[in-house]
Protein backbone atom coordinates (compact mmCIF):
# COMPACT_ATOMS: atom_id res chain seq x y z
CA MET A 1 20.97 69.83 -137.10
CA GLY A 2 19.61 72.94 -135.37
CA ARG A 3 21.51 76.19 -135.20
CA CYS A 4 23.66 76.80 -132.11
CA ILE A 5 22.30 79.75 -130.13
CA PRO A 6 25.02 81.30 -127.93
CA PRO A 7 24.21 82.01 -124.28
CA ALA A 8 23.08 85.55 -123.49
CA GLY A 9 25.76 87.95 -122.33
CA VAL A 10 28.72 86.19 -123.95
CA PRO A 11 31.02 88.89 -125.42
CA PRO A 12 31.77 88.84 -129.18
CA ARG A 13 35.45 88.06 -128.50
CA LEU A 14 34.38 84.77 -126.96
CA LEU A 15 31.99 83.92 -129.78
CA ARG A 16 34.80 84.39 -132.28
CA ALA A 17 37.02 82.16 -130.14
CA ALA A 18 34.51 79.32 -129.87
CA PRO A 19 35.83 76.15 -131.53
CA ARG A 20 34.23 74.91 -134.76
CA SER A 21 34.46 71.33 -133.66
CA PRO A 22 32.67 68.18 -134.85
CA VAL A 23 31.89 67.40 -131.21
CA GLY A 24 28.82 69.58 -131.73
CA VAL A 25 26.86 72.11 -129.76
CA THR A 26 27.60 70.75 -126.29
CA GLY A 27 31.36 70.90 -126.70
CA ALA A 28 31.25 74.37 -128.25
CA LEU A 29 29.12 75.77 -125.45
CA ALA A 30 31.34 74.19 -122.81
CA ALA A 31 34.36 75.89 -124.40
CA LEU A 32 32.50 79.22 -124.46
CA PHE A 33 31.72 79.05 -120.77
CA ALA A 34 35.34 78.12 -119.98
CA LEU A 35 36.54 81.16 -121.89
CA ALA A 36 33.98 83.40 -120.18
CA ALA A 37 35.25 82.29 -116.78
CA ALA A 38 38.85 83.26 -117.59
CA PRO A 39 40.01 86.68 -116.28
CA LEU A 40 40.35 89.47 -118.81
CA ALA A 41 43.87 90.57 -119.64
CA ALA A 42 44.48 94.31 -119.98
CA GLN A 43 44.84 94.05 -123.76
CA GLU A 44 41.41 92.38 -124.00
CA VAL A 45 39.57 95.26 -122.29
CA GLU A 46 38.00 97.84 -124.57
CA GLN A 47 40.52 100.66 -124.65
CA GLY A 48 38.36 103.75 -125.28
CA GLN A 49 39.85 107.00 -126.55
CA ASP A 50 43.29 108.36 -125.73
CA LEU A 51 42.97 112.12 -126.18
CA GLY A 52 46.46 112.80 -124.89
CA PHE A 53 45.68 113.63 -121.26
CA ARG A 54 48.56 112.63 -118.99
CA PHE A 55 49.07 112.76 -115.23
CA VAL A 56 51.53 115.58 -114.54
CA ASP A 57 52.13 117.20 -111.14
CA GLY A 58 48.87 115.88 -109.74
CA ARG A 59 46.69 116.90 -112.71
CA CYS A 60 45.48 115.29 -115.92
CA VAL A 61 46.53 117.66 -118.71
CA THR A 62 47.41 117.74 -122.40
CA ALA A 63 50.61 119.24 -123.72
CA ASP A 64 48.94 122.68 -123.90
CA GLY A 65 47.75 122.50 -120.28
CA THR A 66 44.10 121.63 -120.94
CA GLU A 67 42.64 119.53 -118.11
CA GLY A 68 40.43 116.51 -118.71
CA LEU A 69 40.21 112.73 -119.01
CA ASN A 70 40.58 110.15 -121.77
CA PRO A 71 37.06 108.67 -122.10
CA GLY A 72 37.00 104.91 -121.57
CA HIS A 73 40.79 104.69 -121.85
CA LEU A 74 42.45 101.99 -119.76
CA GLY A 75 45.51 104.04 -118.94
CA PRO A 76 46.63 107.25 -117.25
CA CYS A 77 43.79 109.76 -116.79
CA GLY A 78 41.22 107.29 -118.08
CA GLY A 79 37.54 108.12 -117.65
CA LEU A 80 36.36 104.76 -116.32
CA ARG A 81 33.43 105.54 -114.02
CA ARG A 82 31.29 102.47 -113.28
CA ARG A 83 33.50 100.30 -115.50
CA ASP A 84 33.19 96.54 -114.98
CA LEU A 85 36.73 95.19 -114.57
CA ARG A 86 35.98 92.24 -112.31
CA GLU A 87 38.82 89.69 -112.27
CA ALA A 88 40.76 91.67 -114.88
CA ASP A 89 44.52 91.10 -115.01
CA LEU A 90 45.89 94.65 -114.65
CA ARG A 91 49.29 93.91 -113.15
CA ASN A 92 51.77 96.82 -113.39
CA ILE A 93 49.24 98.98 -115.25
CA ASP A 94 49.46 102.78 -115.03
CA LEU A 95 46.08 104.28 -114.10
CA SER A 96 47.43 107.39 -112.42
CA GLY A 97 44.80 110.13 -112.26
CA ALA A 98 42.10 107.87 -113.72
CA ASP A 99 38.47 108.10 -112.59
CA LEU A 100 37.20 104.69 -111.47
CA THR A 101 34.37 105.99 -109.31
CA ALA A 102 31.88 103.20 -108.57
CA ALA A 103 33.82 100.79 -110.82
CA ARG A 104 33.72 97.01 -110.26
CA LEU A 105 37.19 95.59 -109.63
CA ASP A 106 36.35 92.58 -107.48
CA ARG A 107 39.22 90.06 -107.55
CA ALA A 108 41.14 92.17 -110.06
CA LYS A 109 44.91 91.71 -110.19
CA LEU A 110 46.50 95.12 -109.64
CA VAL A 111 49.89 93.97 -108.37
CA GLY A 112 52.45 96.74 -108.81
CA ALA A 113 49.89 99.05 -110.44
CA ARG A 114 50.50 102.82 -110.50
CA LEU A 115 47.36 104.37 -109.08
CA ALA A 116 48.53 107.75 -107.80
CA ALA A 117 45.59 110.13 -107.25
CA THR A 118 43.25 107.61 -108.91
CA ARG A 119 39.60 108.05 -107.93
CA PHE A 120 38.00 104.91 -106.48
CA GLU A 121 35.13 106.49 -104.54
CA SER A 122 32.40 103.88 -103.90
CA ALA A 123 34.29 101.35 -106.07
CA ARG A 124 34.21 97.63 -105.30
CA LEU A 125 37.64 96.06 -104.90
CA THR A 126 36.69 93.03 -102.82
CA PHE A 127 39.48 90.43 -102.76
CA ALA A 128 41.49 92.48 -105.27
CA ASP A 129 45.27 91.99 -105.21
CA LEU A 130 47.00 95.37 -104.83
CA THR A 131 50.31 94.03 -103.56
CA GLY A 132 53.00 96.68 -104.01
CA ALA A 133 50.61 99.08 -105.77
CA VAL A 134 51.26 102.83 -105.62
CA LEU A 135 48.10 104.47 -104.26
CA SER A 136 49.59 107.72 -103.02
CA ASP A 137 46.91 110.44 -102.79
CA ALA A 138 44.32 107.99 -104.15
CA HIS A 139 40.65 108.64 -103.39
CA LEU A 140 39.13 105.53 -101.82
CA ASP A 141 36.29 107.09 -99.84
CA ARG A 142 33.50 104.53 -99.28
CA ALA A 143 35.33 101.96 -101.41
CA ASP A 144 34.79 98.30 -100.52
CA LEU A 145 38.17 96.60 -100.08
CA SER A 146 36.91 93.64 -98.06
CA GLY A 147 39.42 90.79 -98.24
CA ALA A 148 41.76 92.81 -100.48
CA THR A 149 45.53 92.33 -100.39
CA LEU A 150 47.44 95.60 -99.94
CA ASP A 151 50.73 94.20 -98.67
CA GLY A 152 53.56 96.64 -99.35
CA ALA A 153 51.22 99.14 -101.01
CA ASP A 154 52.04 102.85 -100.86
CA LEU A 155 48.96 104.62 -99.47
CA THR A 156 50.75 107.84 -98.57
CA GLY A 157 48.18 110.62 -98.31
CA ALA A 158 45.38 108.33 -99.52
CA ARG A 159 41.78 109.07 -98.53
CA LEU A 160 39.93 106.07 -97.12
CA TYR A 161 37.04 107.81 -95.36
CA ARG A 162 34.38 105.20 -94.56
CA ALA A 163 36.25 102.63 -96.67
CA VAL A 164 35.52 98.98 -95.87
CA LEU A 165 38.71 97.00 -95.18
CA ARG A 166 37.22 94.04 -93.35
CA GLY A 167 39.61 91.11 -93.54
CA ALA A 168 42.04 93.05 -95.74
CA THR A 169 45.80 92.58 -95.38
CA LEU A 170 48.01 95.66 -95.27
CA ARG A 171 51.27 94.16 -94.07
CA GLN A 172 54.17 96.62 -94.53
CA ALA A 173 51.91 99.10 -96.31
CA ASN A 174 52.73 102.81 -96.03
CA LEU A 175 49.85 104.68 -94.36
CA THR A 176 51.71 107.93 -93.74
CA ARG A 177 49.21 110.83 -93.79
CA ALA A 178 46.43 108.44 -94.84
CA ASP A 179 42.88 109.38 -93.82
CA LEU A 180 41.07 106.35 -92.39
CA ARG A 181 38.30 108.19 -90.55
CA SER A 182 35.26 105.97 -89.99
CA ALA A 183 36.92 103.14 -91.95
CA ASP A 184 35.93 99.56 -91.13
CA LEU A 185 39.13 97.78 -90.06
CA ARG A 186 37.52 94.76 -88.43
CA GLY A 187 39.66 91.72 -89.11
CA ALA A 188 42.27 93.76 -90.98
CA ASP A 189 45.93 92.73 -90.73
CA MET A 190 48.07 95.86 -90.28
CA ARG A 191 51.29 94.24 -89.15
CA PHE A 192 54.35 96.44 -89.72
CA VAL A 193 52.48 99.23 -91.52
CA ALA A 194 54.22 102.61 -91.61
CA LEU A 195 52.30 105.28 -89.70
CA GLY A 196 52.81 109.03 -89.39
CA ALA A 197 50.08 111.66 -89.11
CA THR A 198 47.62 108.85 -89.97
CA THR A 199 44.01 109.63 -89.01
CA PHE A 200 41.94 106.82 -87.47
CA ARG A 201 39.15 108.81 -85.81
CA ARG A 202 35.94 106.73 -85.51
CA ALA A 203 37.53 103.83 -87.44
CA ARG A 204 36.16 100.49 -86.25
CA PHE A 205 38.16 97.48 -85.10
CA ASP A 206 37.44 94.15 -83.43
CA ASP A 207 39.23 91.29 -81.70
CA HIS A 208 40.54 90.05 -85.06
CA THR A 209 42.18 93.33 -86.08
CA ILE A 210 45.98 92.99 -86.01
CA PHE A 211 47.70 96.27 -85.13
CA PRO A 212 51.32 97.28 -85.76
CA PRO A 213 53.56 97.34 -82.65
CA GLU A 214 53.23 101.11 -82.20
CA LEU A 215 49.42 101.03 -82.28
CA ASP A 216 48.12 98.65 -79.66
CA ARG A 217 44.48 98.42 -78.67
CA GLU A 218 44.72 101.00 -75.88
CA ARG A 219 46.42 103.57 -78.08
CA ALA A 220 43.93 102.86 -80.87
CA ILE A 221 41.12 103.88 -78.54
CA ARG A 222 43.05 107.02 -77.55
CA GLU A 223 43.42 107.81 -81.26
CA GLY A 224 39.63 107.81 -81.50
CA MET A 225 39.08 104.31 -82.87
CA VAL A 226 35.95 102.44 -81.85
CA TYR A 227 35.72 98.81 -80.76
CA ARG A 228 32.91 97.05 -82.63
CA PRO A 229 32.86 93.23 -82.27
């Protein structure tokens, strides 16, 4: 019998998990692909180095006050730029102060995650579940949150300049002091969001955008929002 050649791109963890079964090559490869399709749990993601940087008073510092990040570390103050975390199960994780600039988090589960001051500039979070996540002072400029769930999320002071929130749900989210200038809110559901000093200048909306009671269509236009069907 010929040697089984694994498909390209299958991580070593999956190769080790492949069954040594008498059903042969076909069954083994089918099992590999089934494992590859399963979302990564937090403990299965490469952890990187924890150099002791922790998020304290808005900064990532060590005990002696040195500022920096923990390279590749999936935790507070992690240096995770451009990291591929698509479909990862990161529920209740603490990534406060981490740098996830341009990271891929499409369909990731971030329910209840602590993401205070986390950097998500230009990151992809399409259809990610951020229900109840703490995103206070997070940096989401130019992030793609199309179809994401942000129900009950705390976005106090968050920056969402030019962020894409098309079809996203933000029911009962806290948008106090959030910066949504030039954000794309077409089709977004903002029922019962908390507002206060929230900036919407040049943000786009359409006929499918659902506003909270205190921000009807006429007031949205007065606030500087732009209708774009």
